[in-house]
């Protein structure tokens, strides 16, 4: 249980629903402001009071929010019977269409990290056959696809037939494929990477937690920095885009945000983005989280500004256009020929007052942007709208052609996503999730619902080990 030491006056912002971290029953919750912090407070009749900070400091919680018009999933496979989060499939209460779908192609892993969403294990050999994966692909195409696909696990590269899995998906009409990986096999088996590229792999979503091995020893159990660097080199040789994915844990690697970004810039254009993930407490983690074990999105944004000496400013980042505003942030930066980083979009001049837009538009644009940006650099120019935004934000260069080539090749996407666990789960946020997992019964489950576990590690949807 988490408590605030703040004696600030409480201001009730709004009401929502959540779950009890002990029993996972749905319970009422409220969002309460205390000074610069926003807390999710909830009460379980059986297990008592819970309070956790979900937002801290600038940009402000209410300023960050933006109006959106909900949109039902293209296909609802379940009915709303027991209420969120117990009817996922998706059900008619869901307010967002799908952007990215995770397919867990194995439960096995070649690491045993102390921190793991999936609680994966080298000993767990369970994995779906190719025929089952084909059923998943066909279901996705029948449910409004094609969607962006992330092959995950476990560690998906333990499968020798991963290239065949990608080829099958491409043949059935799915367009963008990324592999969520620790990079061990990519670094050691270049022939395998060549097969992945030939099959149509667009992007590697590379676990990358820091710039020294003390971080990897604490979070992954092994010194892995040189392995990560080698994986990036091999991906560059095979023209596969790489996104670095740091799991941020306070006191372990939150002081390395700037160093990770500088490293990413040094590895452009093969590195296409950095996607920060503040640690969430589901799956496997060392102990029950306390207030000091968490870092919120605005804290991450401010640390980006502080640790890049203001090259990347808080004002350069935006809330998402499709998922719930308090789930993520994003900003795009161009590496100029003189070595400076400049924002691709103009800095904000005030709070968001944009006209509300349907979230379907946001989900579609997110799919398109990710497929375009996270892949290896395109061989053609950028869209007219991007061109206008980029020219306005960056200014003059020697020629328009040179400018377009610079934006096409040397843009770094910097983003962050706050996944929800049993302590932080806000059902208003969950209903707008657009990252979905194909569950064991061939239904789409929002990512945070699929991975949700109680304090004892028992899952709501994921197969309990």
Protein backbone atom coordinates (compact mmCIF):
# COMPACT_ATOMS: atom_id res chain seq x y z
CA UNK A 1 0.00 0.00 0.00
CA UNK A 2 1.28 3.46 -0.86
CA UNK A 3 0.72 6.66 1.10
CA UNK A 4 1.54 10.30 0.50
CA UNK A 5 3.48 12.26 3.07
CA UNK A 6 2.07 15.45 1.60
CA UNK A 7 -0.11 17.61 3.87
CA UNK A 8 -1.44 19.54 0.90
CA UNK A 9 -5.17 20.07 0.64
CA UNK A 10 -6.87 17.37 -1.41
CA UNK A 11 -8.83 18.47 -4.48
CA UNK A 12 -11.17 15.93 -6.05
CA UNK A 13 -10.65 16.00 -9.82
CA UNK A 14 -12.87 13.18 -11.05
CA UNK A 15 -14.20 9.70 -10.38
CA UNK A 16 -13.34 6.46 -12.14
CA UNK A 17 -13.09 2.74 -11.38
CA UNK A 18 -10.12 0.48 -10.73
CA UNK A 19 -9.35 -2.94 -9.24
CA UNK A 20 -8.12 -4.11 -5.86
CA UNK A 21 -4.42 -5.10 -6.01
CA UNK A 22 -5.17 -7.99 -3.67
CA UNK A 23 -8.25 -9.63 -5.23
CA UNK A 24 -8.62 -7.82 -8.61
CA UNK A 25 -12.29 -7.05 -7.94
CA UNK A 26 -13.58 -3.87 -9.57
CA UNK A 27 -13.84 -1.04 -7.05
CA UNK A 28 -14.64 2.71 -7.18
CA UNK A 29 -11.70 5.08 -7.47
CA UNK A 30 -11.09 8.81 -7.63
CA UNK A 31 -8.40 11.10 -8.96
CA UNK A 32 -7.25 13.54 -6.30
CA UNK A 33 -4.80 16.43 -6.61
CA UNK A 34 -2.46 17.32 -3.76
CA UNK A 35 -0.22 20.18 -4.72
CA UNK A 36 1.61 19.16 -7.89
CA UNK A 37 0.77 15.48 -7.52
CA UNK A 38 -2.29 13.57 -8.71
CA UNK A 39 -3.19 10.37 -6.88
CA UNK A 40 -5.47 7.47 -7.69
CA UNK A 41 -7.30 6.63 -4.47
CA UNK A 42 -9.50 3.57 -4.01
CA UNK A 43 -11.08 1.43 -1.34
CA UNK A 44 -11.71 -2.32 -1.32
CA UNK A 45 -14.30 -3.36 1.32
CA UNK A 46 -12.23 -6.47 2.05
CA UNK A 47 -8.64 -5.27 1.70
CA UNK A 48 -8.70 -1.59 2.58
CA UNK A 49 -7.37 1.68 1.19
CA UNK A 50 -4.89 2.18 -1.64
CA UNK A 51 -3.30 5.35 -2.93
CA UNK A 52 -0.69 5.79 -5.66
CA UNK A 53 0.76 8.84 -7.41
CA UNK A 54 -0.02 8.69 -11.14
CA UNK A 55 1.13 12.19 -12.20
CA UNK A 56 3.65 14.58 -10.70
CA UNK A 57 4.45 18.14 -11.75
CA UNK A 58 4.60 19.82 -15.14
CA UNK A 59 3.20 19.42 -17.70
CA UNK A 60 0.06 19.60 -15.56
CA UNK A 61 -2.36 16.69 -15.38
CA UNK A 62 -5.39 18.65 -16.59
CA UNK A 63 -3.43 20.74 -19.11
CA UNK A 64 -2.12 17.53 -20.70
CA UNK A 65 -5.60 16.10 -21.31
CA UNK A 66 -7.29 16.58 -24.67
CA UNK A 67 -10.84 16.03 -25.83
CA UNK A 68 -11.44 12.97 -27.97
CA UNK A 69 -14.57 11.43 -29.46
CA UNK A 70 -14.74 7.70 -28.51
CA UNK A 71 -15.03 5.08 -31.23
CA UNK A 72 -16.05 1.44 -30.83
CA UNK A 73 -13.80 -1.36 -32.06
CA UNK A 74 -14.28 -2.44 -35.67
CA UNK A 75 -15.47 -5.84 -34.42
CA UNK A 76 -16.63 -6.72 -30.89
CA UNK A 77 -16.08 -10.39 -30.10
CA UNK A 78 -17.68 -10.32 -26.62
CA UNK A 79 -20.64 -8.74 -24.87
CA UNK A 80 -20.51 -6.33 -21.95
CA UNK A 81 -21.78 -8.65 -19.21
CA UNK A 82 -19.56 -8.35 -16.14
CA UNK A 83 -18.17 -4.91 -16.98
CA UNK A 84 -14.63 -3.70 -17.58
CA UNK A 85 -12.05 -5.25 -17.24
CA UNK A 86 -13.75 -8.66 -17.27
CA UNK A 87 -15.32 -8.81 -20.76
CA UNK A 88 -12.31 -8.16 -22.96
CA UNK A 89 -12.47 -9.51 -26.43
CA UNK A 90 -12.97 -6.54 -27.32
CA UNK A 91 -16.38 -5.63 -25.89
CA UNK A 92 -18.75 -2.77 -26.85
CA UNK A 93 -17.60 -0.72 -23.82
CA UNK A 94 -14.15 -0.31 -25.37
CA UNK A 95 -13.61 3.18 -26.77
CA UNK A 96 -10.73 2.66 -29.17
CA UNK A 97 -9.78 0.71 -32.24
CA UNK A 98 -6.58 -1.27 -32.56
CA UNK A 99 -3.19 0.21 -33.46
CA UNK A 100 -0.67 -2.49 -32.57
CA UNK A 101 -1.26 -6.17 -31.79
CA UNK A 102 1.18 -8.27 -29.77
CA UNK A 103 1.47 -11.93 -30.65
CA UNK A 104 3.18 -14.01 -27.98
CA UNK A 105 4.86 -16.64 -30.12
CA UNK A 106 6.67 -18.34 -27.23
CA UNK A 107 6.77 -18.41 -23.43
CA UNK A 108 10.43 -19.41 -23.44
CA UNK A 109 13.23 -16.89 -22.91
CA UNK A 110 17.04 -17.02 -23.02
CA UNK A 111 17.20 -14.70 -20.00
CA UNK A 112 15.52 -14.75 -16.59
CA UNK A 113 15.24 -11.04 -15.84
CA UNK A 114 14.35 -9.94 -12.29
CA UNK A 115 11.86 -7.53 -13.93
CA UNK A 116 9.64 -9.06 -16.65
CA UNK A 117 6.13 -8.22 -17.86
CA UNK A 118 5.58 -11.80 -18.99
CA UNK A 119 7.35 -13.59 -16.12
CA UNK A 120 9.06 -15.55 -18.90
CA UNK A 121 11.39 -18.45 -18.17
CA UNK A 122 14.04 -20.48 -20.01
CA UNK A 123 12.23 -23.60 -18.80
CA UNK A 124 8.81 -22.76 -20.27
CA UNK A 125 8.80 -24.36 -23.73
CA UNK A 126 5.16 -23.62 -24.58
CA UNK A 127 4.62 -21.96 -27.96
CA UNK A 128 1.79 -21.88 -30.52
CA UNK A 129 2.15 -23.85 -33.74
CA UNK A 130 2.23 -22.06 -37.08
CA UNK A 131 -1.36 -23.12 -37.77
CA UNK A 132 -2.53 -21.35 -34.61
CA UNK A 133 -0.64 -18.20 -35.55
CA UNK A 134 -2.30 -18.31 -38.97
CA UNK A 135 -5.67 -18.36 -37.20
CA UNK A 136 -4.59 -15.23 -35.27
CA UNK A 137 -3.63 -13.46 -38.48
CA UNK A 138 -6.92 -14.31 -40.16
CA UNK A 139 -8.87 -13.16 -37.09
CA UNK A 140 -7.02 -9.83 -37.15
CA UNK A 141 -7.73 -9.28 -40.84
CA UNK A 142 -11.40 -10.10 -40.19
CA UNK A 143 -11.45 -7.69 -37.22
CA UNK A 144 -10.54 -4.50 -39.07
CA UNK A 145 -6.91 -5.22 -39.96
CA UNK A 146 -4.25 -4.93 -41.13
CA UNK A 147 -2.76 -3.74 -37.84
CA UNK A 148 0.87 -3.27 -36.87
CA UNK A 149 2.22 -6.54 -35.47
CA UNK A 150 4.72 -6.97 -32.64
CA UNK A 151 6.06 -10.50 -32.25
CA UNK A 152 6.77 -10.99 -28.57
CA UNK A 153 6.97 -13.60 -25.86
CA UNK A 154 8.98 -14.68 -23.92
CA UNK A 155 11.85 -14.07 -26.29
CA UNK A 156 10.56 -14.53 -29.85
CA UNK A 157 14.00 -15.09 -31.38
CA UNK A 158 14.32 -18.46 -29.63
CA UNK A 159 12.04 -19.70 -32.42
CA UNK A 160 13.99 -20.81 -35.47
CA UNK A 161 10.86 -20.40 -37.58
CA UNK A 162 10.31 -16.72 -36.71
CA UNK A 163 11.07 -15.72 -40.32
CA UNK A 164 8.35 -18.11 -41.50
CA UNK A 165 5.94 -16.52 -39.01
CA UNK A 166 6.65 -13.09 -40.54
CA UNK A 167 6.40 -14.39 -44.12
CA UNK A 168 3.03 -15.97 -43.38
CA UNK A 169 1.68 -12.72 -41.96
CA UNK A 170 2.88 -10.73 -44.95
CA UNK A 171 1.27 -13.24 -47.30
CA UNK A 172 -2.06 -12.84 -45.50
CA UNK A 173 -2.03 -9.04 -45.85
CA UNK A 174 -0.35 -7.74 -42.70
CA UNK A 175 2.15 -5.02 -43.52
CA UNK A 176 4.31 -3.93 -40.56
CA UNK A 177 6.20 -6.36 -38.33
CA UNK A 178 8.45 -5.63 -35.39
CA UNK A 179 10.19 -8.08 -33.05
CA UNK A 180 10.30 -7.34 -29.32
CA UNK A 181 13.67 -8.74 -28.29
CA UNK A 182 16.55 -8.66 -25.82
CA UNK A 183 18.90 -8.83 -28.82
CA UNK A 184 21.00 -11.82 -27.72
CA UNK A 185 20.39 -13.95 -30.80
CA UNK A 186 20.53 -10.99 -33.16
CA UNK A 187 24.02 -10.20 -31.92
CA UNK A 188 25.22 -13.79 -32.20
CA UNK A 189 23.52 -15.06 -35.39
CA UNK A 190 23.78 -12.68 -38.34
CA UNK A 191 22.47 -15.31 -40.74
CA UNK A 192 19.26 -15.47 -38.70
CA UNK A 193 18.94 -11.66 -38.92
CA UNK A 194 19.31 -11.94 -42.70
CA UNK A 195 16.45 -14.42 -42.80
CA UNK A 196 14.29 -12.07 -40.72
CA UNK A 197 14.99 -9.22 -43.13
CA UNK A 198 14.25 -11.39 -46.16
CA UNK A 199 10.96 -12.42 -44.57
CA UNK A 200 9.92 -8.78 -44.26
CA UNK A 201 10.88 -7.70 -40.72
CA UNK A 202 10.57 -3.90 -40.49
CA UNK A 203 11.77 -3.08 -37.00
CA UNK A 204 13.51 -4.41 -33.91
CA UNK A 205 12.05 -3.23 -30.58
CA UNK A 206 15.25 -3.64 -28.58
CA UNK A 207 15.32 -3.90 -24.78
CA UNK A 208 17.92 -1.25 -23.90
CA UNK A 209 18.03 -0.15 -20.27
CA UNK A 210 21.21 1.87 -19.91
CA UNK A 211 24.77 2.73 -20.81
CA UNK A 212 26.67 0.62 -18.27
CA UNK A 213 26.51 -2.98 -17.18
CA UNK A 214 25.55 -2.20 -13.59
CA UNK A 215 22.06 -1.43 -14.93
CA UNK A 216 21.81 -4.72 -16.81
CA UNK A 217 23.08 -6.73 -13.86
CA UNK A 218 20.30 -5.29 -11.69
CA UNK A 219 17.44 -5.46 -14.21
CA UNK A 220 18.47 -8.39 -16.45
CA UNK A 221 20.88 -10.43 -14.32
CA UNK A 222 23.77 -10.24 -16.83
CA UNK A 223 26.17 -7.66 -18.30
CA UNK A 224 24.61 -7.04 -21.71
CA UNK A 225 25.68 -3.62 -23.00
CA UNK A 226 28.14 -4.92 -25.61
CA UNK A 227 25.56 -7.47 -26.78
CA UNK A 228 23.04 -4.66 -27.30
CA UNK A 229 25.55 -2.62 -29.29
CA UNK A 230 26.40 -5.63 -31.46
CA UNK A 231 22.69 -6.28 -32.14
CA UNK A 232 22.32 -2.70 -33.37
CA UNK A 233 25.34 -3.11 -35.68
CA UNK A 234 23.89 -6.27 -37.19
CA UNK A 235 20.50 -4.63 -37.72
CA UNK A 236 22.23 -1.70 -39.44
CA UNK A 237 24.03 -4.09 -41.77
CA UNK A 238 20.69 -5.60 -42.79
CA UNK A 239 18.75 -2.34 -43.07
CA UNK A 240 16.38 -3.05 -40.18
CA UNK A 241 15.17 -0.13 -38.07
CA UNK A 242 15.81 -0.24 -34.31
CA UNK A 243 13.84 1.35 -31.47
CA UNK A 244 15.59 1.41 -28.09
CA UNK A 245 13.22 0.48 -25.25
CA UNK A 246 14.44 1.36 -21.74
CA UNK A 247 12.46 0.17 -18.74
CA UNK A 248 12.97 3.05 -16.29
CA UNK A 249 13.39 2.10 -12.64
CA UNK A 250 13.98 4.89 -10.08
CA UNK A 251 17.43 4.78 -8.54
CA UNK A 252 18.74 2.33 -11.15
CA UNK A 253 18.66 3.99 -14.57
CA UNK A 254 16.49 7.13 -14.40
CA UNK A 255 19.74 9.11 -14.32
CA UNK A 256 20.78 7.63 -17.69
CA UNK A 257 17.93 9.05 -19.80
CA UNK A 258 20.15 11.66 -21.41
CA UNK A 259 22.98 9.20 -22.02
CA UNK A 260 20.58 6.78 -23.74
CA UNK A 261 19.29 9.57 -25.98
CA UNK A 262 22.80 10.70 -26.88
CA UNK A 263 23.71 7.12 -27.74
CA UNK A 264 20.57 6.82 -29.90
CA UNK A 265 21.52 9.99 -31.77
CA UNK A 266 25.03 8.64 -32.35
CA UNK A 267 23.53 5.50 -33.91
CA UNK A 268 21.16 7.25 -36.31
CA UNK A 269 19.83 6.45 -38.83
CA UNK A 270 19.57 2.76 -37.87
CA UNK A 271 18.14 3.81 -34.49
CA UNK A 272 14.74 5.26 -35.31
CA UNK A 273 13.45 6.01 -31.83
CA UNK A 274 13.68 5.70 -28.07
CA UNK A 275 10.56 4.48 -26.28
CA UNK A 276 10.77 4.91 -22.50
CA UNK A 277 8.65 2.63 -20.31
CA UNK A 278 8.42 3.57 -16.61
CA UNK A 279 8.44 0.33 -14.66
CA UNK A 280 5.03 -1.19 -13.98
CA UNK A 281 4.49 -3.85 -11.38
CA UNK A 282 2.94 -6.85 -13.06
CA UNK A 283 4.49 -10.13 -14.11
CA UNK A 284 7.77 -10.54 -12.20
CA UNK A 285 9.32 -7.87 -9.97
CA UNK A 286 11.47 -8.00 -6.83
CA UNK A 287 9.03 -6.66 -4.20
CA UNK A 288 5.70 -4.90 -3.73
CA UNK A 289 6.12 -1.34 -5.03
CA UNK A 290 6.41 1.68 -2.78
CA UNK A 291 6.03 5.35 -3.74
CA UNK A 292 9.78 5.66 -4.36
CA UNK A 293 9.67 2.75 -6.82
CA UNK A 294 7.68 4.70 -9.40
CA UNK A 295 8.39 7.40 -11.96
CA UNK A 296 5.55 9.22 -13.74
CA UNK A 297 5.40 10.44 -17.33
CA UNK A 298 5.86 14.15 -16.53
CA UNK A 299 8.91 13.29 -14.45
CA UNK A 300 10.35 11.43 -17.45
CA UNK A 301 9.63 14.37 -19.75
CA UNK A 302 11.35 16.82 -17.39
CA UNK A 303 14.33 14.48 -17.02
CA UNK A 304 14.64 14.39 -20.81
CA UNK A 305 14.90 18.19 -20.81
CA UNK A 306 17.29 18.28 -17.87
CA UNK A 307 19.56 15.51 -19.11
CA UNK A 308 19.75 16.80 -22.70
CA UNK A 309 20.62 20.33 -21.50
CA UNK A 310 17.41 21.63 -23.01
CA UNK A 311 17.92 20.33 -26.56
CA UNK A 312 14.72 18.34 -26.05
CA UNK A 313 12.31 20.49 -24.06
CA UNK A 314 9.12 19.67 -22.21
CA UNK A 315 7.27 21.92 -24.67
CA UNK A 316 8.40 19.72 -27.57
CA UNK A 317 6.35 16.74 -26.38
CA UNK A 318 2.68 16.04 -27.03
CA UNK A 319 -0.05 13.78 -25.64
CA UNK A 320 -1.22 10.91 -27.86
CA UNK A 321 -3.87 11.37 -30.52
CA UNK A 322 -5.60 8.02 -30.10
CA UNK A 323 -5.03 6.39 -26.73
CA UNK A 324 -5.87 8.11 -23.44
CA UNK A 325 -3.89 11.32 -22.95
CA UNK A 326 -2.39 10.19 -19.64
CA UNK A 327 -0.96 6.98 -21.13
CA UNK A 328 1.90 8.38 -23.20
CA UNK A 329 3.88 11.23 -24.75
CA UNK A 330 5.77 11.67 -28.01
CA UNK A 331 8.08 14.10 -29.79
CA UNK A 332 10.10 14.00 -33.02
CA UNK A 333 13.56 15.48 -33.47
CA UNK A 334 15.72 16.02 -36.53
CA UNK A 335 19.49 15.67 -36.44
CA UNK A 336 20.74 18.60 -38.49
CA UNK A 337 23.95 18.54 -40.57
CA UNK A 338 25.67 20.74 -37.98
CA UNK A 339 25.04 18.09 -35.30
CA UNK A 340 22.27 19.90 -33.43
CA UNK A 341 18.92 18.30 -32.61
CA UNK A 342 15.84 20.35 -33.41
CA UNK A 343 12.14 19.56 -32.84
CA UNK A 344 10.15 18.60 -35.92
CA UNK A 345 6.96 20.15 -34.52
CA UNK A 346 6.65 23.71 -33.19
CA UNK A 347 6.79 24.10 -29.42
CA UNK A 348 3.44 24.46 -27.71
CA UNK A 349 2.34 27.97 -26.80
CA UNK A 350 -0.30 27.02 -24.27
CA UNK A 351 -2.74 24.35 -23.13
CA UNK A 352 -4.45 22.09 -25.61
CA UNK A 353 -7.60 23.69 -26.98
CA UNK A 354 -7.90 21.65 -30.15
CA UNK A 355 -11.24 20.50 -31.46
CA UNK A 356 -12.14 17.00 -30.33
CA UNK A 357 -11.34 14.32 -32.90
CA UNK A 358 -12.51 10.71 -33.19
CA UNK A 359 -9.98 8.32 -31.69
CA UNK A 360 -10.25 6.18 -34.83
CA UNK A 361 -8.31 8.89 -36.64
CA UNK A 362 -5.67 8.83 -33.91
CA UNK A 363 -5.31 5.04 -34.06
CA UNK A 364 -4.99 5.08 -37.83
CA UNK A 365 -2.42 7.90 -37.79
CA UNK A 366 -0.45 6.14 -35.04
CA UNK A 367 -0.30 2.94 -37.12
CA UNK A 368 0.89 4.87 -40.14
CA UNK A 369 3.47 6.92 -38.23
CA UNK A 370 4.98 3.92 -36.44
CA UNK A 371 5.25 1.91 -39.65
CA UNK A 372 6.87 4.85 -41.42
CA UNK A 373 9.19 6.12 -38.68
CA UNK A 374 10.30 2.92 -36.95
CA UNK A 375 11.27 1.16 -40.18
CA UNK A 376 14.62 1.78 -41.84
CA UNK A 377 14.72 5.17 -43.62
CA UNK A 378 12.39 5.45 -46.58
CA UNK A 379 13.73 5.96 -50.08
CA UNK A 380 11.11 8.58 -50.95
CA UNK A 381 10.18 12.01 -49.58
CA UNK A 382 7.86 12.75 -46.71
CA UNK A 383 4.18 13.64 -46.87
CA UNK A 384 3.18 17.23 -47.66
CA UNK A 385 1.78 17.83 -44.16
CA UNK A 386 4.99 16.56 -42.57
CA UNK A 387 7.00 18.72 -44.94
CA UNK A 388 5.14 21.88 -43.94
CA UNK A 389 5.42 21.11 -40.21
CA UNK A 390 9.09 20.27 -40.50
CA UNK A 391 9.97 23.35 -42.54
CA UNK A 392 8.15 25.58 -40.08
CA UNK A 393 9.84 23.97 -37.08
CA UNK A 394 13.37 23.55 -38.34
CA UNK A 395 13.93 26.49 -40.68
CA UNK A 396 16.13 26.93 -43.70
CA UNK A 397 18.68 24.45 -45.03
CA UNK A 398 20.81 24.56 -48.15
CA UNK A 399 18.04 23.20 -50.38
CA UNK A 400 14.59 21.67 -50.09
CA UNK A 401 15.87 18.33 -51.38
CA UNK A 402 18.59 18.25 -48.74
CA UNK A 403 16.07 19.17 -46.08
CA UNK A 404 13.65 16.41 -47.08
CA UNK A 405 16.45 13.86 -47.12
CA UNK A 406 17.56 14.96 -43.65
CA UNK A 407 14.05 14.62 -42.23
CA UNK A 408 13.50 11.28 -43.97
CA UNK A 409 16.75 9.78 -42.75
CA UNK A 410 17.63 11.53 -39.50
CA UNK A 411 14.42 11.90 -37.49
CA UNK A 412 14.42 10.38 -34.00
CA UNK A 413 11.06 9.59 -32.40
CA UNK A 414 11.20 9.98 -28.61
CA UNK A 415 8.22 8.64 -26.69
CA UNK A 416 7.13 7.16 -23.39
CA UNK A 417 4.29 4.95 -22.25
CA UNK A 418 3.00 4.36 -18.71
CA UNK A 419 1.59 0.85 -18.51
CA UNK A 420 -0.91 0.27 -15.72
CA UNK A 421 -0.66 -2.33 -12.97
CA UNK A 422 -3.11 -3.38 -10.26
CA UNK A 423 -2.24 -0.30 -8.17
CA UNK A 424 -2.46 2.29 -10.97
CA UNK A 425 -5.20 0.80 -13.17
CA UNK A 426 -7.75 3.41 -14.25
CA UNK A 427 -10.57 1.85 -16.25
CA UNK A 428 -11.19 5.05 -18.21
CA UNK A 429 -7.64 4.74 -19.50
CA UNK A 430 -7.96 1.01 -20.11
CA UNK A 431 -11.09 1.44 -22.24
CA UNK A 432 -9.12 3.67 -24.59
CA UNK A 433 -6.12 1.35 -24.96
CA UNK A 434 -5.06 0.70 -28.55
CA UNK A 435 -2.27 -1.79 -27.89
CA UNK A 436 -3.85 -5.23 -27.82
CA UNK A 437 -2.70 -8.80 -27.28
CA UNK A 438 -4.19 -11.90 -28.88
CA UNK A 439 -5.24 -13.96 -25.88
CA UNK A 440 -5.22 -17.76 -25.65
CA UNK A 441 -8.88 -17.94 -26.71
CA UNK A 442 -8.22 -15.97 -29.92
CA UNK A 443 -9.62 -12.67 -28.60
CA UNK A 444 -8.07 -9.21 -28.42
CA UNK A 445 -7.18 -8.08 -24.89
CA UNK A 446 -5.91 -4.56 -24.02
CA UNK A 447 -2.23 -4.83 -23.06
CA UNK A 448 -2.60 -3.69 -19.45
CA UNK A 449 -5.57 -5.98 -18.84
CA UNK A 450 -3.76 -8.94 -20.38
CA UNK A 451 -0.68 -8.45 -18.19
CA UNK A 452 -2.58 -7.47 -15.05
CA UNK A 453 -1.60 -9.50 -11.99
CA UNK A 454 -2.53 -9.17 -8.34
CA UNK A 455 -0.03 -8.79 -5.51
CA UNK A 456 0.55 -12.57 -5.47
CA UNK A 457 1.25 -12.65 -9.23
CA UNK A 458 -2.04 -14.23 -10.27
CA UNK A 459 -3.20 -13.02 -13.69
CA UNK A 460 -6.62 -11.94 -14.90
CA UNK A 461 -6.07 -13.03 -18.52
CA UNK A 462 -2.51 -14.24 -18.99
CA UNK A 463 -1.92 -17.93 -18.36
CA UNK A 464 -0.83 -18.31 -14.72
CA UNK A 465 2.50 -20.13 -14.42
